[in-house]
Amino acid sequence: MGRIARELGISRQHVYRLRDRVREIYGIWVDDASSDPLVPRGYLRIRARETSGVAVTLSAQEAGALLTAAARIENLPPPVRQALRRIVQGTPVASEAERGPIVYSPLADEYAPGLYEKVAEAIRGRRTARITYRNARGEEKTYRFDPYILIARDPHLYLVGANHNSRAAGHDPVHELRLDQIVEFRLLRDRFPLPDFDVRAYCRGRFRWFPGEGKPIRVRVRFSPQKAGFIRRMRHHPTQTLTEELDGSVVWEVRVPFCEDLVHWIVGYGPHATVIEPYDLRRRVVEWARGAAEANLSPEGATVEAYPGMRR
């Protein structure tokens, strides 16, 4: 970078800004030893878009449908954005696409420039990374982390892998980090072996975002006819089954380890959800519902002393 700066007569900071701009616009990545330790010091590695020479002819309707679908995805990687620009050029939908996205989601994650690409490279190459992560309390911690896979849970992406800190302490090393809470992601020289990790089994062991406690249990919840339609349309877990009732309600059944997020989800349906089993889940739902009512009716709010289930 220093040699480039001297030959162009500009500052090193300007060179770095130009490098980042080239990444963003053209999808061409320039790495040095500071961004990837596998690059020898004093050298640069340039990685352009991979092209296979495949030519695909799309009708105006197909190109429009593709652009409409892509408009729902925020923070597309640079090569994808470049590919979409090339598709739009010369098609009748170009003027429509330039007006802005048809669908916009304000809940889309905001990632640091190049983060998604670095994570993808680490997963494909089984490269260990040093990650600085900001948790829900705003605390920043740094981990050595083996990235296994990215899991999508709308609207977020979660990086699942092995945390070296937990492994050294004798705990389960498998953790997940929300991508938009990663402050810094730095590739290291170390590579990790192919992990004995079953992503399907991992997802079956949790309900939505949070891991459960203990072995999977049978959970049955009756939803009223007013909310049965929502439950029929959504699949919240791979083990989910539905039983139709004569009055139009449905009995929703899953086998998951107990987790607090399951309680929160059921409470969100208010009087339209009734826990059939297990009893402990029903008791927790009642505690949370009472606590929510007290917090909104009393100026002092609810206390964990009054509802001990709220501690968890």
C-alpha atoms as a PDB file:
ATOM      1  CA  MET A   1       0.000   0.000   0.000  1.00  0.00           C
ATOM      2  CA  GLY A   2       2.895   2.345   0.756  1.00  0.00           C
ATOM      3  CA  ARG A   3       4.425   1.812  -2.703  1.00  0.00           C
ATOM      4  CA  ILE A   4       1.076   2.424  -4.414  1.00  0.00           C
ATOM      5  CA  ALA A   5       0.590   5.614  -2.401  1.00  0.00           C
ATOM      6  CA  ARG A   6       4.069   6.887  -3.358  1.00  0.00           C
ATOM      7  CA  GLU A   7       3.639   6.116  -7.065  1.00  0.00           C
ATOM      8  CA  LEU A   8       0.208   7.759  -7.213  1.00  0.00           C
ATOM      9  CA  GLY A   9       1.219  10.672  -5.016  1.00  0.00           C
ATOM     10  CA  ILE A  10      -1.625  10.139  -2.556  1.00  0.00           C
ATOM     11  CA  SER A  11      -1.866   9.149   1.091  1.00  0.00           C
ATOM     12  CA  ARG A  12      -2.069   5.540   2.311  1.00  0.00           C
ATOM     13  CA  GLN A  13      -5.507   6.302   3.780  1.00  0.00           C
ATOM     14  CA  HIS A  14      -6.688   7.343   0.312  1.00  0.00           C
ATOM     15  CA  VAL A  15      -5.413   4.063  -1.139  1.00  0.00           C
ATOM     16  CA  TYR A  16      -7.382   2.105   1.459  1.00  0.00           C
ATOM     17  CA  ARG A  17     -10.504   4.115   0.631  1.00  0.00           C
ATOM     18  CA  LEU A  18     -10.051   3.378  -3.080  1.00  0.00           C
ATOM     19  CA  ARG A  19      -9.602  -0.321  -2.297  1.00  0.00           C
ATOM     20  CA  ASP A  20     -12.858  -0.385  -0.329  1.00  0.00           C
ATOM     21  CA  ARG A  21     -14.630   1.461  -3.151  1.00  0.00           C
ATOM     22  CA  VAL A  22     -13.432  -1.081  -5.722  1.00  0.00           C
ATOM     23  CA  ARG A  23     -14.745  -3.863  -3.492  1.00  0.00           C
ATOM     24  CA  GLU A  24     -18.138  -2.213  -3.139  1.00  0.00           C
ATOM     25  CA  ILE A  25     -18.718  -1.253  -6.778  1.00  0.00           C
ATOM     26  CA  TYR A  26     -16.946  -3.923  -8.819  1.00  0.00           C
ATOM     27  CA  GLY A  27     -16.756  -6.868  -6.441  1.00  0.00           C
ATOM     28  CA  ILE A  28     -12.940  -6.972  -6.770  1.00  0.00           C
ATOM     29  CA  TRP A  29     -11.213  -7.767  -3.483  1.00  0.00           C
ATOM     30  CA  VAL A  30      -7.711  -6.617  -2.599  1.00  0.00           C
ATOM     31  CA  ASP A  31      -6.162  -8.279   0.442  1.00  0.00           C
ATOM     32  CA  ASP A  32      -2.868  -7.620   2.169  1.00  0.00           C
ATOM     33  CA  ALA A  33      -1.230  -9.115   5.249  1.00  0.00           C
ATOM     34  CA  SER A  34      -3.264  -6.874   7.539  1.00  0.00           C
ATOM     35  CA  SER A  35      -6.599  -8.228   6.256  1.00  0.00           C
ATOM     36  CA  ASP A  36      -5.486 -11.828   5.621  1.00  0.00           C
ATOM     37  CA  PRO A  37      -2.349 -13.261   7.252  1.00  0.00           C
ATOM     38  CA  LEU A  38      -1.986 -15.839   4.453  1.00  0.00           C
ATOM     39  CA  VAL A  39      -0.925 -12.998   2.119  1.00  0.00           C
ATOM     40  CA  PRO A  40       2.871 -12.469   2.403  1.00  0.00           C
ATOM     41  CA  ARG A  41       3.828  -9.118   3.892  1.00  0.00           C
ATOM     42  CA  GLY A  42       4.508  -6.555   1.188  1.00  0.00           C
ATOM     43  CA  TYR A  43       2.264  -8.310  -1.364  1.00  0.00           C
ATOM     44  CA  LEU A  44      -1.328  -7.866  -2.482  1.00  0.00           C
ATOM     45  CA  ARG A  45      -3.839 -10.512  -3.505  1.00  0.00           C
ATOM     46  CA  ILE A  46      -6.486  -9.452  -6.016  1.00  0.00           C
ATOM     47  CA  ARG A  47      -9.594 -11.583  -6.304  1.00  0.00           C
ATOM     48  CA  ALA A  48     -11.939 -10.592  -9.099  1.00  0.00           C
ATOM     49  CA  ARG A  49     -15.431 -11.881  -9.663  1.00  0.00           C
ATOM     50  CA  GLU A  50     -15.532 -15.506 -10.699  1.00  0.00           C
ATOM     51  CA  THR A  51     -16.965 -15.786 -14.209  1.00  0.00           C
ATOM     52  CA  SER A  52     -17.879 -19.055 -15.889  1.00  0.00           C
ATOM     53  CA  GLY A  53     -18.908 -17.622 -19.256  1.00  0.00           C
ATOM     54  CA  VAL A  54     -22.488 -18.860 -18.859  1.00  0.00           C
ATOM     55  CA  ALA A  55     -24.954 -16.829 -20.927  1.00  0.00           C
ATOM     56  CA  VAL A  56     -28.605 -16.796 -19.885  1.00  0.00           C
ATOM     57  CA  THR A  57     -31.342 -15.034 -21.836  1.00  0.00           C
ATOM     58  CA  LEU A  58     -34.179 -13.649 -19.739  1.00  0.00           C
ATOM     59  CA  SER A  59     -37.452 -12.219 -20.895  1.00  0.00           C
ATOM     60  CA  ALA A  60     -38.517  -8.810 -19.604  1.00  0.00           C
ATOM     61  CA  GLN A  61     -41.030 -10.555 -17.345  1.00  0.00           C
ATOM     62  CA  GLU A  62     -38.377 -12.884 -15.913  1.00  0.00           C
ATOM     63  CA  ALA A  63     -35.920 -10.030 -15.367  1.00  0.00           C
ATOM     64  CA  GLY A  64     -38.617  -8.005 -13.626  1.00  0.00           C
ATOM     65  CA  ALA A  65     -39.547 -10.921 -11.378  1.00  0.00           C
ATOM     66  CA  LEU A  66     -35.874 -11.454 -10.455  1.00  0.00           C
ATOM     67  CA  LEU A  67     -35.402  -7.790  -9.576  1.00  0.00           C
ATOM     68  CA  THR A  68     -38.599  -7.740  -7.518  1.00  0.00           C
ATOM     69  CA  ALA A  69     -37.387 -10.731  -5.496  1.00  0.00           C
ATOM     70  CA  ALA A  70     -33.918  -9.217  -5.034  1.00  0.00           C
ATOM     71  CA  ALA A  71     -35.448  -5.957  -3.835  1.00  0.00           C
ATOM     72  CA  ARG A  72     -36.607  -7.786  -0.704  1.00  0.00           C
ATOM     73  CA  ILE A  73     -33.015  -8.623   0.261  1.00  0.00           C
ATOM     74  CA  GLU A  74     -30.969  -5.933   1.966  1.00  0.00           C
ATOM     75  CA  ASN A  75     -27.140  -5.770   1.993  1.00  0.00           C
ATOM     76  CA  LEU A  76     -26.531  -7.948  -1.046  1.00  0.00           C
ATOM     77  CA  PRO A  77     -22.863  -8.929  -1.576  1.00  0.00           C
ATOM     78  CA  PRO A  78     -21.076  -6.741  -4.174  1.00  0.00           C
ATOM     79  CA  PRO A  79     -20.881  -9.471  -6.869  1.00  0.00           C
ATOM     80  CA  VAL A  80     -24.652  -9.967  -6.635  1.00  0.00           C
ATOM     81  CA  ARG A  81     -25.328  -6.242  -6.962  1.00  0.00           C
ATOM     82  CA  GLN A  82     -23.026  -6.113  -9.994  1.00  0.00           C
ATOM     83  CA  ALA A  83     -24.805  -9.095 -11.573  1.00  0.00           C
ATOM     84  CA  LEU A  84     -28.173  -7.422 -11.075  1.00  0.00           C
ATOM     85  CA  ARG A  85     -26.916  -4.230 -12.720  1.00  0.00           C
ATOM     86  CA  ARG A  86     -25.789  -6.252 -15.743  1.00  0.00           C
ATOM     87  CA  ILE A  87     -29.165  -7.992 -15.941  1.00  0.00           C
ATOM     88  CA  VAL A  88     -31.031  -4.695 -15.796  1.00  0.00           C
ATOM     89  CA  GLN A  89     -28.970  -3.050 -18.560  1.00  0.00           C
ATOM     90  CA  GLY A  90     -30.826  -3.155 -21.859  1.00  0.00           C
ATOM     91  CA  THR A  91     -34.049  -4.637 -20.483  1.00  0.00           C
ATOM     92  CA  PRO A  92     -37.402  -2.846 -20.499  1.00  0.00           C
ATOM     93  CA  VAL A  93     -37.489  -2.985 -16.691  1.00  0.00           C
ATOM     94  CA  ALA A  94     -34.370  -0.846 -16.285  1.00  0.00           C
ATOM     95  CA  SER A  95     -36.254   2.402 -15.803  1.00  0.00           C
ATOM     96  CA  GLU A  96     -38.557   0.772 -13.236  1.00  0.00           C
ATOM     97  CA  ALA A  97     -35.633  -0.665 -11.268  1.00  0.00           C
ATOM     98  CA  GLU A  98     -33.900   2.688 -11.095  1.00  0.00           C
ATOM     99  CA  ARG A  99     -36.866   4.189  -9.269  1.00  0.00           C
ATOM    100  CA  GLY A 100     -35.973   2.228  -6.134  1.00  0.00           C
ATOM    101  CA  PRO A 101     -36.967  -1.019  -4.453  1.00  0.00           C
ATOM    102  CA  ILE A 102     -40.547  -2.207  -4.739  1.00  0.00           C
ATOM    103  CA  VAL A 103     -40.351  -3.922  -1.341  1.00  0.00           C
ATOM    104  CA  TYR A 104     -38.396  -2.456   1.573  1.00  0.00           C
ATOM    105  CA  SER A 105     -37.785  -3.989   4.983  1.00  0.00           C
ATOM    106  CA  PRO A 106     -36.656  -1.617   7.759  1.00  0.00           C
ATOM    107  CA  LEU A 107     -35.743  -4.692   9.847  1.00  0.00           C
ATOM    108  CA  ALA A 108     -32.939  -5.799   7.508  1.00  0.00           C
ATOM    109  CA  ASP A 109     -29.552  -6.283   9.165  1.00  0.00           C
ATOM    110  CA  GLU A 110     -26.812  -3.727   8.686  1.00  0.00           C
ATOM    111  CA  TYR A 111     -23.432  -5.363   8.197  1.00  0.00           C
ATOM    112  CA  ALA A 112     -19.993  -3.784   8.122  1.00  0.00           C
ATOM    113  CA  PRO A 113     -18.598  -3.533   4.550  1.00  0.00           C
ATOM    114  CA  GLY A 114     -17.142  -6.876   3.473  1.00  0.00           C
ATOM    115  CA  LEU A 115     -18.289  -8.748   6.595  1.00  0.00           C
ATOM    116  CA  TYR A 116     -20.565 -11.192   4.765  1.00  0.00           C
ATOM    117  CA  GLU A 117     -17.836 -12.013   2.223  1.00  0.00           C
ATOM    118  CA  LYS A 118     -15.225 -12.620   4.930  1.00  0.00           C
ATOM    119  CA  VAL A 119     -17.579 -14.873   6.869  1.00  0.00           C
ATOM    120  CA  ALA A 120     -18.393 -16.850   3.712  1.00  0.00           C
ATOM    121  CA  GLU A 121     -14.679 -17.250   2.951  1.00  0.00           C
ATOM    122  CA  ALA A 122     -13.982 -18.451   6.493  1.00  0.00           C
ATOM    123  CA  ILE A 123     -16.761 -21.056   6.286  1.00  0.00           C
ATOM    124  CA  ARG A 124     -15.686 -22.365   2.873  1.00  0.00           C
ATOM    125  CA  GLY A 125     -11.979 -22.453   3.769  1.00  0.00           C
ATOM    126  CA  ARG A 126     -12.521 -23.578   7.410  1.00  0.00           C
ATOM    127  CA  ARG A 127     -10.486 -20.593   8.599  1.00  0.00           C
ATOM    128  CA  THR A 128     -10.427 -19.654  12.281  1.00  0.00           C
ATOM    129  CA  ALA A 129     -11.285 -16.017  12.948  1.00  0.00           C
ATOM    130  CA  ARG A 130     -10.821 -13.497  15.724  1.00  0.00           C
ATOM    131  CA  ILE A 131     -14.215 -11.928  16.350  1.00  0.00           C
ATOM    132  CA  THR A 132     -15.093  -8.888  18.431  1.00  0.00           C
ATOM    133  CA  TYR A 133     -18.767  -9.155  19.329  1.00  0.00           C
ATOM    134  CA  ARG A 134     -21.188  -6.736  20.966  1.00  0.00           C
ATOM    135  CA  ASN A 135     -23.826  -8.613  22.989  1.00  0.00           C
ATOM    136  CA  ALA A 136     -27.375  -7.522  23.822  1.00  0.00           C
ATOM    137  CA  ARG A 137     -26.115  -5.608  26.883  1.00  0.00           C
ATOM    138  CA  GLY A 138     -23.712  -3.574  24.752  1.00  0.00           C
ATOM    139  CA  GLU A 139     -20.620  -5.373  26.094  1.00  0.00           C
ATOM    140  CA  GLU A 140     -17.821  -6.132  23.641  1.00  0.00           C
ATOM    141  CA  LYS A 141     -15.848  -9.381  23.891  1.00  0.00           C
ATOM    142  CA  THR A 142     -13.277 -10.971  21.607  1.00  0.00           C
ATOM    143  CA  TYR A 143     -13.271 -14.668  20.700  1.00  0.00           C
ATOM    144  CA  ARG A 144     -11.281 -17.115  18.624  1.00  0.00           C
ATOM    145  CA  PHE A 145     -14.052 -18.701  16.598  1.00  0.00           C
ATOM    146  CA  ASP A 146     -14.370 -21.554  14.073  1.00  0.00           C
ATOM    147  CA  PRO A 147     -17.220 -20.565  11.708  1.00  0.00           C
ATOM    148  CA  TYR A 148     -19.404 -23.547  10.689  1.00  0.00           C
ATOM    149  CA  ILE A 149     -22.487 -22.178   8.952  1.00  0.00           C
ATOM    150  CA  LEU A 150     -24.841 -19.204   8.595  1.00  0.00           C
ATOM    151  CA  ILE A 151     -28.460 -19.696   9.673  1.00  0.00           C
ATOM    152  CA  ALA A 152     -31.223 -17.322   8.562  1.00  0.00           C
ATOM    153  CA  ARG A 153     -33.849 -16.375  11.124  1.00  0.00           C
ATOM    154  CA  ASP A 154     -35.823 -13.494   9.701  1.00  0.00           C
ATOM    155  CA  PRO A 155     -34.682 -10.790   9.583  1.00  0.00           C
ATOM    156  CA  HIS A 156     -31.231 -11.759  10.859  1.00  0.00           C
ATOM    157  CA  LEU A 157     -28.321 -14.012   9.909  1.00  0.00           C
ATOM    158  CA  TYR A 158     -26.628 -15.968  12.694  1.00  0.00           C
ATOM    159  CA  LEU A 159     -23.097 -17.365  12.486  1.00  0.00           C
ATOM    160  CA  VAL A 160     -22.889 -20.764  14.200  1.00  0.00           C
ATOM    161  CA  GLY A 161     -19.516 -22.196  15.154  1.00  0.00           C
ATOM    162  CA  ALA A 162     -17.129 -23.210  17.911  1.00  0.00           C
ATOM    163  CA  ASN A 163     -16.006 -20.645  20.473  1.00  0.00           C
ATOM    164  CA  HIS A 164     -12.451 -21.458  21.611  1.00  0.00           C
ATOM    165  CA  ASN A 165     -13.006 -19.590  24.898  1.00  0.00           C
ATOM    166  CA  SER A 166     -15.879 -21.913  25.867  1.00  0.00           C
ATOM    167  CA  ARG A 167     -13.975 -24.993  24.743  1.00  0.00           C
ATOM    168  CA  ALA A 168     -10.981 -24.048  26.912  1.00  0.00           C
ATOM    169  CA  ALA A 169     -13.325 -23.606  29.891  1.00  0.00           C
ATOM    170  CA  GLY A 170     -14.771 -27.085  29.377  1.00  0.00           C
ATOM    171  CA  HIS A 171     -18.184 -25.873  28.155  1.00  0.00           C
ATOM    172  CA  ASP A 172     -20.110 -26.626  24.964  1.00  0.00           C
ATOM    173  CA  PRO A 173     -18.139 -24.680  22.326  1.00  0.00           C
ATOM    174  CA  VAL A 174     -20.993 -24.333  19.816  1.00  0.00           C
ATOM    175  CA  HIS A 175     -22.423 -20.819  19.892  1.00  0.00           C
ATOM    176  CA  GLU A 176     -24.198 -18.501  17.487  1.00  0.00           C
ATOM    177  CA  LEU A 177     -23.438 -14.840  16.868  1.00  0.00           C
ATOM    178  CA  ARG A 178     -25.846 -12.423  15.206  1.00  0.00           C
ATOM    179  CA  LEU A 179     -24.072 -11.018  12.186  1.00  0.00           C
ATOM    180  CA  ASP A 180     -25.093  -7.395  12.704  1.00  0.00           C
ATOM    181  CA  GLN A 181     -23.580  -7.475  16.217  1.00  0.00           C
ATOM    182  CA  ILE A 182     -20.107  -8.464  14.976  1.00  0.00           C
ATOM    183  CA  VAL A 183     -17.873  -5.413  15.431  1.00  0.00           C
ATOM    184  CA  GLU A 184     -14.739  -6.891  13.841  1.00  0.00           C
ATOM    185  CA  PHE A 185     -14.100 -10.113  11.938  1.00  0.00           C
ATOM    186  CA  ARG A 186     -10.449 -10.932  11.285  1.00  0.00           C
ATOM    187  CA  LEU A 187      -9.258 -14.064   9.474  1.00  0.00           C
ATOM    188  CA  LEU A 188      -6.387 -15.958  11.092  1.00  0.00           C
ATOM    189  CA  ARG A 189      -3.814 -18.359   9.654  1.00  0.00           C
ATOM    190  CA  ASP A 190      -5.235 -21.344  11.537  1.00  0.00           C
ATOM    191  CA  ARG A 191      -7.581 -23.780   9.836  1.00  0.00           C
ATOM    192  CA  PHE A 192      -9.908 -26.142  11.651  1.00  0.00           C
ATOM    193  CA  PRO A 193     -10.844 -29.708  10.632  1.00  0.00           C
ATOM    194  CA  LEU A 194     -14.230 -30.595   9.196  1.00  0.00           C
ATOM    195  CA  PRO A 195     -16.506 -30.404  12.249  1.00  0.00           C
ATOM    196  CA  ASP A 196     -18.829 -33.164  13.403  1.00  0.00           C
ATOM    197  CA  PHE A 197     -21.798 -30.805  13.260  1.00  0.00           C
ATOM    198  CA  ASP A 198     -25.343 -31.597  12.109  1.00  0.00           C
ATOM    199  CA  VAL A 199     -27.110 -28.306  11.387  1.00  0.00           C
ATOM    200  CA  ARG A 200     -30.511 -30.007  11.116  1.00  0.00           C
ATOM    201  CA  ALA A 201     -30.161 -31.588  14.555  1.00  0.00           C
ATOM    202  CA  TYR A 202     -28.915 -28.251  15.895  1.00  0.00           C
ATOM    203  CA  CYS A 203     -32.030 -26.428  14.650  1.00  0.00           C
ATOM    204  CA  ARG A 204     -34.359 -29.140  15.942  1.00  0.00           C
ATOM    205  CA  GLY A 205     -32.903 -28.586  19.417  1.00  0.00           C
ATOM    206  CA  ARG A 206     -34.236 -25.040  19.726  1.00  0.00           C
ATOM    207  CA  PHE A 207     -37.397 -23.042  19.206  1.00  0.00           C
ATOM    208  CA  ARG A 208     -36.810 -19.973  17.052  1.00  0.00           C
ATOM    209  CA  TRP A 209     -33.735 -18.104  18.362  1.00  0.00           C
ATOM    210  CA  PHE A 210     -32.903 -19.572  21.751  1.00  0.00           C
ATOM    211  CA  PRO A 211     -31.513 -22.966  22.818  1.00  0.00           C
ATOM    212  CA  GLY A 212     -33.626 -25.100  25.100  1.00  0.00           C
ATOM    213  CA  GLU A 213     -33.083 -26.730  28.453  1.00  0.00           C
ATOM    214  CA  GLY A 214     -32.676 -30.520  28.565  1.00  0.00           C
ATOM    215  CA  LYS A 215     -34.210 -33.076  26.237  1.00  0.00           C
ATOM    216  CA  PRO A 216     -37.077 -32.357  23.827  1.00  0.00           C
ATOM    217  CA  ILE A 217     -40.533 -32.508  25.391  1.00  0.00           C
ATOM    218  CA  ARG A 218     -44.006 -32.761  23.893  1.00  0.00           C
ATOM    219  CA  VAL A 219     -45.653 -29.335  23.701  1.00  0.00           C
ATOM    220  CA  ARG A 220     -49.326 -28.946  22.745  1.00  0.00           C
ATOM    221  CA  VAL A 221     -51.069 -25.573  22.451  1.00  0.00           C
ATOM    222  CA  ARG A 222     -54.643 -24.896  21.297  1.00  0.00           C
ATOM    223  CA  PHE A 223     -55.113 -21.762  19.191  1.00  0.00           C
ATOM    224  CA  SER A 224     -58.540 -20.178  18.795  1.00  0.00           C
ATOM    225  CA  PRO A 225     -60.369 -20.079  15.445  1.00  0.00           C
ATOM    226  CA  GLN A 226     -59.458 -16.372  15.194  1.00  0.00           C
ATOM    227  CA  LYS A 227     -55.707 -17.178  15.152  1.00  0.00           C
ATOM    228  CA  ALA A 228     -55.792 -20.671  13.653  1.00  0.00           C
ATOM    229  CA  GLY A 229     -55.181 -19.287  10.166  1.00  0.00           C
ATOM    230  CA  PHE A 230     -51.890 -17.676  11.224  1.00  0.00           C
ATOM    231  CA  ILE A 231     -50.717 -20.918  12.813  1.00  0.00           C
ATOM    232  CA  ARG A 232     -51.612 -22.973   9.729  1.00  0.00           C
ATOM    233  CA  ARG A 233     -49.587 -20.689   7.436  1.00  0.00           C
ATOM    234  CA  MET A 234     -46.400 -20.646   9.511  1.00  0.00           C
ATOM    235  CA  ARG A 235     -43.993 -23.482  10.230  1.00  0.00           C
ATOM    236  CA  HIS A 236     -42.167 -22.624  13.431  1.00  0.00           C
ATOM    237  CA  HIS A 237     -40.268 -25.883  13.947  1.00  0.00           C
ATOM    238  CA  PRO A 238     -39.334 -28.997  11.915  1.00  0.00           C
ATOM    239  CA  THR A 239     -41.353 -31.266  14.273  1.00  0.00           C
ATOM    240  CA  GLN A 240     -44.515 -29.174  14.056  1.00  0.00           C
ATOM    241  CA  THR A 241     -47.872 -30.933  13.507  1.00  0.00           C
ATOM    242  CA  LEU A 242     -51.405 -29.502  13.487  1.00  0.00           C
ATOM    243  CA  THR A 243     -54.692 -31.113  14.509  1.00  0.00           C
ATOM    244  CA  GLU A 244     -57.904 -29.496  13.308  1.00  0.00           C
ATOM    245  CA  GLU A 245     -60.700 -29.134  15.879  1.00  0.00           C
ATOM    246  CA  LEU A 246     -64.445 -29.109  15.119  1.00  0.00           C
ATOM    247  CA  ASP A 247     -64.854 -25.491  16.306  1.00  0.00           C
ATOM    248  CA  GLY A 248     -62.217 -24.226  13.837  1.00  0.00           C
ATOM    249  CA  SER A 249     -59.373 -24.062  16.345  1.00  0.00           C
ATOM    250  CA  VAL A 250     -56.116 -25.984  15.877  1.00  0.00           C
ATOM    251  CA  VAL A 251     -53.897 -27.890  18.291  1.00  0.00           C
ATOM    252  CA  TRP A 252     -50.274 -27.053  17.556  1.00  0.00           C
ATOM    253  CA  GLU A 253     -47.743 -29.703  18.615  1.00  0.00           C
ATOM    254  CA  VAL A 254     -43.929 -29.729  18.617  1.00  0.00           C
ATOM    255  CA  ARG A 255     -41.145 -31.594  20.394  1.00  0.00           C
ATOM    256  CA  VAL A 256     -38.554 -29.088  21.633  1.00  0.00           C
ATOM    257  CA  PRO A 257     -36.414 -28.545  24.725  1.00  0.00           C
ATOM    258  CA  PHE A 258     -38.030 -26.067  27.103  1.00  0.00           C
ATOM    259  CA  CYS A 259     -36.935 -22.480  26.434  1.00  0.00           C
ATOM    260  CA  GLU A 260     -38.097 -19.061  27.573  1.00  0.00           C
ATOM    261  CA  ASP A 261     -38.677 -17.893  24.015  1.00  0.00           C
ATOM    262  CA  LEU A 262     -41.446 -20.492  23.716  1.00  0.00           C
ATOM    263  CA  VAL A 263     -43.141 -18.882  26.729  1.00  0.00           C
ATOM    264  CA  HIS A 264     -42.849 -15.401  25.218  1.00  0.00           C
ATOM    265  CA  TRP A 265     -44.228 -16.568  21.877  1.00  0.00           C
ATOM    266  CA  ILE A 266     -47.309 -18.176  23.457  1.00  0.00           C
ATOM    267  CA  VAL A 267     -47.979 -15.169  25.724  1.00  0.00           C
ATOM    268  CA  GLY A 268     -47.932 -12.969  22.603  1.00  0.00           C
ATOM    269  CA  TYR A 269     -51.148 -14.645  21.431  1.00  0.00           C
ATOM    270  CA  GLY A 270     -52.917 -13.609  24.631  1.00  0.00           C
ATOM    271  CA  PRO A 271     -56.329 -15.259  25.184  1.00  0.00           C
ATOM    272  CA  HIS A 272     -56.129 -17.035  21.825  1.00  0.00           C
ATOM    273  CA  ALA A 273     -53.527 -19.585  23.026  1.00  0.00           C
ATOM    274  CA  THR A 274     -54.105 -22.263  25.677  1.00  0.00           C
ATOM    275  CA  VAL A 275     -51.283 -24.586  26.752  1.00  0.00           C
ATOM    276  CA  ILE A 276     -52.538 -28.167  26.943  1.00  0.00           C
ATOM    277  CA  GLU A 277     -49.218 -29.664  28.036  1.00  0.00           C
ATOM    278  CA  PRO A 278     -46.769 -29.699  29.753  1.00  0.00           C
ATOM    279  CA  TYR A 279     -47.952 -28.249  33.054  1.00  0.00           C
ATOM    280  CA  ASP A 280     -44.673 -26.413  33.766  1.00  0.00           C
ATOM    281  CA  LEU A 281     -44.972 -24.517  30.468  1.00  0.00           C
ATOM    282  CA  ARG A 282     -48.560 -23.571  31.295  1.00  0.00           C
ATOM    283  CA  ARG A 283     -47.457 -22.292  34.725  1.00  0.00           C
ATOM    284  CA  ARG A 284     -44.698 -20.167  33.160  1.00  0.00           C
ATOM    285  CA  VAL A 285     -47.123 -18.703  30.629  1.00  0.00           C
ATOM    286  CA  VAL A 286     -49.510 -17.728  33.433  1.00  0.00           C
ATOM    287  CA  GLU A 287     -46.662 -16.078  35.405  1.00  0.00           C
ATOM    288  CA  TRP A 288     -45.507 -14.050  32.424  1.00  0.00           C
ATOM    289  CA  ALA A 289     -49.035 -13.019  31.463  1.00  0.00           C
ATOM    290  CA  ARG A 290     -49.779 -11.870  35.019  1.00  0.00           C
ATOM    291  CA  GLY A 291     -46.476 -10.030  35.153  1.00  0.00           C
ATOM    292  CA  ALA A 292     -47.214  -8.266  31.868  1.00  0.00           C
ATOM    293  CA  ALA A 293     -50.641  -7.224  33.147  1.00  0.00           C
ATOM    294  CA  GLU A 294     -49.209  -5.888  36.411  1.00  0.00           C
ATOM    295  CA  ALA A 295     -46.436  -3.991  34.615  1.00  0.00           C
ATOM    296  CA  ASN A 296     -49.017  -2.187  32.487  1.00  0.00           C
ATOM    297  CA  LEU A 297     -51.648  -1.594  35.197  1.00  0.00           C
ATOM    298  CA  SER A 298     -49.429  -0.611  38.124  1.00  0.00           C
ATOM    299  CA  PRO A 299     -47.220   2.524  38.138  1.00  0.00           C
ATOM    300  CA  GLU A 300     -44.550   0.516  39.976  1.00  0.00           C
ATOM    301  CA  GLY A 301     -44.527  -2.275  37.380  1.00  0.00           C
ATOM    302  CA  ALA A 302     -44.066  -5.981  37.934  1.00  0.00           C
ATOM    303  CA  THR A 303     -41.304  -7.470  40.103  1.00  0.00           C
ATOM    304  CA  VAL A 304     -39.459 -10.764  39.806  1.00  0.00           C
ATOM    305  CA  GLU A 305     -40.204 -11.346  43.503  1.00  0.00           C
ATOM    306  CA  ALA A 306     -43.918 -11.452  42.702  1.00  0.00           C
ATOM    307  CA  TYR A 307     -43.404 -13.627  39.633  1.00  0.00           C
ATOM    308  CA  PRO A 308     -40.228 -15.740  40.072  1.00  0.00           C
ATOM    309  CA  GLY A 309     -40.657 -17.269  36.624  1.00  0.00           C
ATOM    310  CA  MET A 310     -39.657 -13.904  35.164  1.00  0.00           C
ATOM    311  CA  ARG A 311     -36.087 -14.408  36.382  1.00  0.00           C
ATOM    312  CA  ARG A 312     -35.296 -16.842  33.618  1.00  0.00           C
END
